[in-house]
Protein backbone atom coordinates (compact mmCIF):
# COMPACT_ATOMS: atom_id res chain seq x y z
CA MET A 1 74.61 43.81 -18.07
CA ARG A 2 71.79 43.30 -15.54
CA THR A 3 68.74 41.60 -16.81
CA LYS A 4 65.38 42.27 -15.59
CA LYS A 5 63.29 39.10 -14.31
CA PRO A 6 59.32 39.21 -15.64
CA ALA A 7 56.95 40.35 -13.34
CA GLY A 8 55.14 37.25 -13.89
CA LEU A 9 57.97 35.20 -12.33
CA TYR A 10 57.65 37.20 -8.98
CA CYS A 11 54.00 36.64 -9.07
CA LEU A 12 54.34 33.11 -9.46
CA ILE A 13 56.82 32.76 -6.59
CA PHE A 14 54.85 34.72 -4.37
CA LEU A 15 51.78 32.60 -4.95
CA SER A 16 53.94 29.56 -4.40
CA MET A 17 55.21 30.93 -1.07
CA LEU A 18 51.71 31.74 -0.18
CA MET A 19 50.13 28.59 -0.79
CA SER A 20 52.93 26.96 1.05
CA ALA A 21 52.36 29.08 4.10
CA CYS A 22 48.67 28.44 4.09
CA ALA A 23 48.94 24.62 4.00
CA GLY A 24 51.02 24.70 7.02
CA THR A 25 49.18 27.25 9.12
CA GLN A 26 46.84 26.32 12.18
CA ASN A 27 43.27 27.92 11.78
CA ARG A 28 41.19 29.38 14.13
CA HIS A 29 37.98 28.24 12.26
CA THR A 30 35.78 31.09 13.02
CA ASP A 31 34.49 30.87 9.52
CA PRO A 32 35.86 27.78 7.78
CA GLN A 33 33.69 28.30 4.61
CA ASN A 34 34.97 31.62 3.81
CA ASP A 35 38.14 31.82 5.62
CA PRO A 36 39.84 28.42 5.67
CA TRP A 37 43.39 30.10 5.81
CA GLU A 38 42.37 32.09 8.78
CA GLY A 39 45.68 31.42 10.94
CA PHE A 40 47.80 32.65 8.04
CA ASN A 41 45.46 35.44 7.55
CA ARG A 42 45.68 36.47 11.16
CA LYS A 43 49.45 36.71 10.82
CA VAL A 44 49.20 38.89 8.14
CA TYR A 45 46.52 40.99 9.88
CA ALA A 46 49.33 41.59 12.75
CA PHE A 47 51.53 42.56 10.37
CA ASN A 48 49.55 45.20 8.50
CA ASN A 49 48.45 46.43 12.12
CA GLY A 50 52.30 47.09 12.73
CA MET A 51 52.65 48.93 9.53
CA ASP A 52 49.60 51.03 10.55
CA LYS A 53 51.46 52.27 13.62
CA VAL A 54 53.58 54.18 11.03
CA VAL A 55 50.89 55.04 8.40
CA ARG A 56 48.01 56.15 10.85
CA PRO A 57 50.05 59.17 12.41
CA VAL A 58 50.77 60.34 8.87
CA ALA A 59 46.99 60.03 8.03
CA VAL A 60 46.15 61.86 11.33
CA ALA A 61 48.47 64.70 10.22
CA TYR A 62 47.00 64.66 6.73
CA ASP A 63 43.53 64.84 8.19
CA THR A 64 44.68 67.65 10.57
CA VAL A 65 46.81 69.94 8.37
CA ILE A 66 44.91 69.52 5.07
CA PRO A 67 41.72 71.43 4.77
CA ASP A 68 38.64 69.40 4.06
CA PRO A 69 38.04 70.86 0.41
CA VAL A 70 41.39 69.92 -0.61
CA GLN A 71 41.01 66.51 0.84
CA ARG A 72 37.82 66.02 -1.23
CA GLY A 73 39.75 67.28 -4.33
CA VAL A 74 42.39 64.70 -3.71
CA GLY A 75 39.82 61.98 -3.36
CA ASN A 76 37.93 63.04 -6.27
CA PHE A 77 41.14 63.08 -8.25
CA PHE A 78 42.00 59.52 -7.35
CA ARG A 79 38.48 58.20 -7.96
CA ASN A 80 38.38 59.91 -11.42
CA LEU A 81 41.53 57.66 -12.23
CA GLU A 82 39.54 54.73 -11.53
CA TYR A 83 37.89 55.04 -14.83
CA PRO A 84 40.10 52.73 -17.22
CA VAL A 85 39.71 50.01 -14.82
CA THR A 86 35.71 50.44 -14.38
CA PHE A 87 35.30 50.86 -18.01
CA VAL A 88 37.24 47.91 -19.27
CA ASN A 89 35.54 45.49 -16.93
CA GLN A 90 31.89 47.33 -17.65
CA VAL A 91 32.70 46.08 -21.30
CA LEU A 92 33.80 42.72 -20.20
CA GLN A 93 30.41 42.45 -18.24
CA GLY A 94 28.41 43.62 -20.99
CA LYS A 95 27.29 46.75 -19.06
CA PHE A 96 27.69 48.99 -22.16
CA LYS A 97 25.20 51.73 -20.94
CA GLN A 98 26.82 52.02 -17.55
CA GLY A 99 30.29 52.27 -19.77
CA ALA A 100 28.87 55.03 -21.62
CA ALA A 101 27.90 56.94 -18.34
CA SER A 102 31.44 56.24 -16.77
CA THR A 103 32.89 57.78 -20.03
CA GLY A 104 30.63 60.68 -19.99
CA ARG A 105 31.70 61.39 -16.17
CA PHE A 106 35.36 60.81 -16.71
CA LEU A 107 35.35 63.40 -19.84
CA VAL A 108 33.09 66.08 -17.81
CA ASN A 109 35.39 65.67 -14.62
CA SER A 110 38.67 65.46 -16.39
CA THR A 111 37.69 68.74 -18.43
CA VAL A 112 35.37 71.05 -16.69
CA GLY A 113 36.22 69.59 -13.08
CA LEU A 114 40.13 70.16 -13.42
CA LEU A 115 41.40 66.64 -13.99
CA GLY A 116 38.95 65.42 -11.59
CA PHE A 117 39.44 67.44 -8.49
CA PHE A 118 36.00 68.89 -8.75
CA ASP A 119 33.17 66.17 -9.19
CA VAL A 120 31.15 68.20 -11.65
CA ALA A 121 29.61 64.94 -13.03
CA SER A 122 27.68 64.17 -9.76
CA ARG A 123 26.14 67.50 -9.70
CA MET A 124 24.86 66.82 -13.16
CA GLY A 125 23.49 63.61 -12.27
CA ILE A 126 26.14 61.43 -13.94
CA PRO A 127 26.41 58.17 -11.57
CA PHE A 128 29.38 56.84 -10.38
CA TYR A 129 30.25 53.17 -11.15
CA ASN A 130 33.39 51.15 -9.67
CA GLU A 131 33.91 47.83 -11.46
CA ASP A 132 37.21 45.56 -11.42
CA ILE A 133 38.59 42.24 -12.48
CA GLY A 134 37.41 40.82 -9.28
CA GLN A 135 33.96 41.70 -10.01
CA THR A 136 34.03 40.69 -13.37
CA LEU A 137 35.22 37.27 -12.59
CA ALA A 138 32.61 36.92 -10.04
CA THR A 139 30.22 37.81 -12.80
CA TRP A 140 31.62 34.92 -15.04
CA GLY A 141 30.98 32.20 -12.24
CA TYR A 142 34.00 32.50 -10.08
CA GLU A 143 31.82 34.07 -7.21
CA ASP A 144 32.86 31.95 -4.17
CA SER A 145 36.52 32.60 -3.46
CA ARG A 146 38.62 32.00 -0.16
CA TYR A 147 39.25 35.08 2.00
CA LEU A 148 42.63 36.29 1.83
CA MET A 149 44.49 39.18 3.81
CA LEU A 150 46.93 40.82 1.78
CA PRO A 151 50.07 42.55 3.09
CA ILE A 152 49.53 46.45 3.04
CA PHE A 153 46.47 46.20 1.00
CA GLY A 154 44.40 44.47 3.62
CA PRO A 155 41.22 42.40 3.10
CA SER A 156 40.72 40.58 -0.21
CA THR A 157 40.04 37.26 -1.53
CA LEU A 158 42.33 35.05 -3.77
CA ARG A 159 40.01 36.02 -6.83
CA ASP A 160 40.27 39.75 -5.67
CA GLY A 161 43.73 39.51 -5.16
CA ILE A 162 44.58 38.17 -8.65
CA GLY A 163 42.10 40.94 -10.03
CA ARG A 164 43.97 43.48 -8.23
CA TYR A 165 47.27 42.51 -9.62
CA ALA A 166 45.76 42.47 -13.20
CA ASP A 167 44.28 45.85 -12.82
CA SER A 168 47.24 47.56 -11.55
CA PHE A 169 48.95 47.20 -15.31
CA TYR A 170 46.22 49.61 -16.75
CA HIS A 171 45.23 51.58 -13.59
CA PRO A 172 46.96 55.22 -14.16
CA VAL A 173 48.54 55.06 -10.89
CA GLY A 174 49.96 51.58 -11.16
CA TYR A 175 50.94 52.28 -14.93
CA TYR A 176 52.92 55.64 -13.68
CA THR A 177 54.56 53.99 -10.80
CA ARG A 178 55.95 51.48 -13.04
CA LYS A 179 57.09 53.62 -15.81
CA GLU A 180 58.57 56.35 -13.71
CA LYS A 181 59.55 54.18 -10.76
CA THR A 182 58.22 56.49 -8.33
CA TYR A 183 55.93 55.71 -5.42
CA TRP A 184 54.74 59.08 -4.32
CA PRO A 185 51.16 58.81 -6.19
CA PHE A 186 50.69 55.42 -4.59
CA ILE A 187 51.64 56.67 -1.12
CA LEU A 188 49.43 59.71 -1.50
CA ARG A 189 46.54 57.73 -2.45
CA GLY A 190 46.98 55.29 0.49
CA VAL A 191 47.38 58.13 3.03
CA ASP A 192 44.29 59.92 1.63
CA GLN A 193 42.18 56.65 1.93
CA ARG A 194 43.45 55.80 5.39
CA ALA A 195 42.62 59.19 6.56
CA ARG A 196 38.84 58.54 5.47
CA PHE A 197 38.81 55.28 7.93
CA LEU A 198 40.19 57.21 10.91
CA SER A 199 36.51 57.78 12.20
CA GLN A 200 36.09 53.98 12.07
CA ASP A 201 39.23 52.94 14.28
CA ALA A 202 37.31 53.45 17.43
CA GLU A 203 34.78 50.82 16.53
CA LEU A 204 37.14 48.58 15.29
CA GLU A 205 39.28 48.92 18.50
CA GLN A 206 36.03 48.15 20.64
CA ALA A 207 35.29 45.01 18.90
CA TYR A 208 35.75 41.44 20.61
CA ASP A 209 37.60 40.42 17.52
CA PRO A 210 38.74 43.24 15.46
CA TYR A 211 39.72 40.80 12.65
CA VAL A 212 36.44 38.93 12.50
CA LEU A 213 34.64 42.29 12.24
CA MET A 214 36.84 43.56 9.42
CA ARG A 215 36.54 40.31 7.63
CA ASP A 216 32.84 40.05 7.88
CA VAL A 217 32.11 43.62 6.99
CA TRP A 218 34.54 43.55 4.03
CA LEU A 219 33.02 40.20 2.78
CA GLN A 220 29.33 41.68 3.15
CA ASN A 221 30.43 44.78 1.32
CA ARG A 222 32.20 43.07 -1.49
CA LYS A 223 29.19 40.81 -2.04
CA TYR A 224 27.06 44.07 -2.17
CA GLN A 225 29.44 45.54 -4.94
CA ILE A 226 29.52 42.29 -6.95
CA HIS A 227 25.61 42.23 -7.19
CA ASP A 228 25.25 46.17 -7.70
CA GLY A 229 23.78 46.82 -4.55
CA ASP A 230 21.16 44.19 -4.85
CA PRO A 231 22.71 40.91 -3.30
CA PRO A 232 20.49 37.61 -3.09
CA LEU A 233 18.90 37.04 0.09
CA THR A 234 20.21 34.63 2.38
CA ASP A 235 18.13 31.40 2.72
CA TYR A 236 18.32 30.63 6.36
CA ASP A 237 16.30 27.60 6.05
CA LEU A 238 19.36 25.78 4.83
CA TYR A 239 20.88 26.34 8.13
CA LEU A 240 18.00 24.67 10.21
CA GLU A 241 17.83 21.00 10.78
CA ASP A 242 14.69 19.25 10.32
CA ASP A 243 14.81 17.55 13.65
CA VAL A 244 11.20 16.70 13.87
CA ALA A 245 10.56 13.35 12.78
CA GLU A 246 7.61 12.47 10.41
CA PRO A 247 4.96 10.24 11.86
CA ASP A 248 4.91 6.75 10.35
CA PRO A 249 2.03 5.86 7.88
CA GLU A 250 -0.84 4.25 9.75
CA PRO A 251 -0.98 0.22 8.94
CA ASP A 252 -3.73 -0.64 6.36
CA THR A 253 -6.79 -1.83 8.49
CA PRO A 254 -9.59 -3.50 6.69
CA ASP A 255 -12.63 -1.28 6.26
CA ARG A 256 -15.54 -1.73 8.75
CA GLN A 257 -18.45 -3.69 7.97
């Protein structure tokens, strides 16, 4: 009888391989503070670009064939399924008022909105929140984390990569995929999300260094999410060196008589 290896073992093996790969990789050092594993991340970025040559034509076909109202419905449906992850992390962060709003939004869209295909809650003025384990860990103090490009999933940090894995166990799509051993919800969500970024392809292709542009935009947006839309202002004085020498104090002189 074939035995199943625990998922945690695969995760441990993956992290061990990742750390080994990062340790032996030459870095470009365009941002050594946030992206010390840049050499490794660029290789993963190149791998994802290769995968995108297959995914992008599918997303283009999806965007061309599927009417816009249906695309909005699909996006609304998957966004509605984010509720369990958002609610759990709102509770962990002590955001009970926002958690109540998320619960009301989920109930309205799941019933009146026909399983979330119609975003009735937004028309009723119920706000949308999006929280995850990565944001919770940042709120608890793990704010600074190394940038990490994930295969297939794209930009992340080490903290957010671990959080994504943890969230997948109680995310409806991740749970259904594991239980039914089918990937069609995951694939459909991925194609729908890729179609939404088609308009940004030209800007990315025209960038001097697309990797740096994607990284910096993602990190900035992630900081915005962690601080609920109000990130602290950067203290640029810390980057300025005080090159002006202070004048030596004048020697003591006797008072004039």
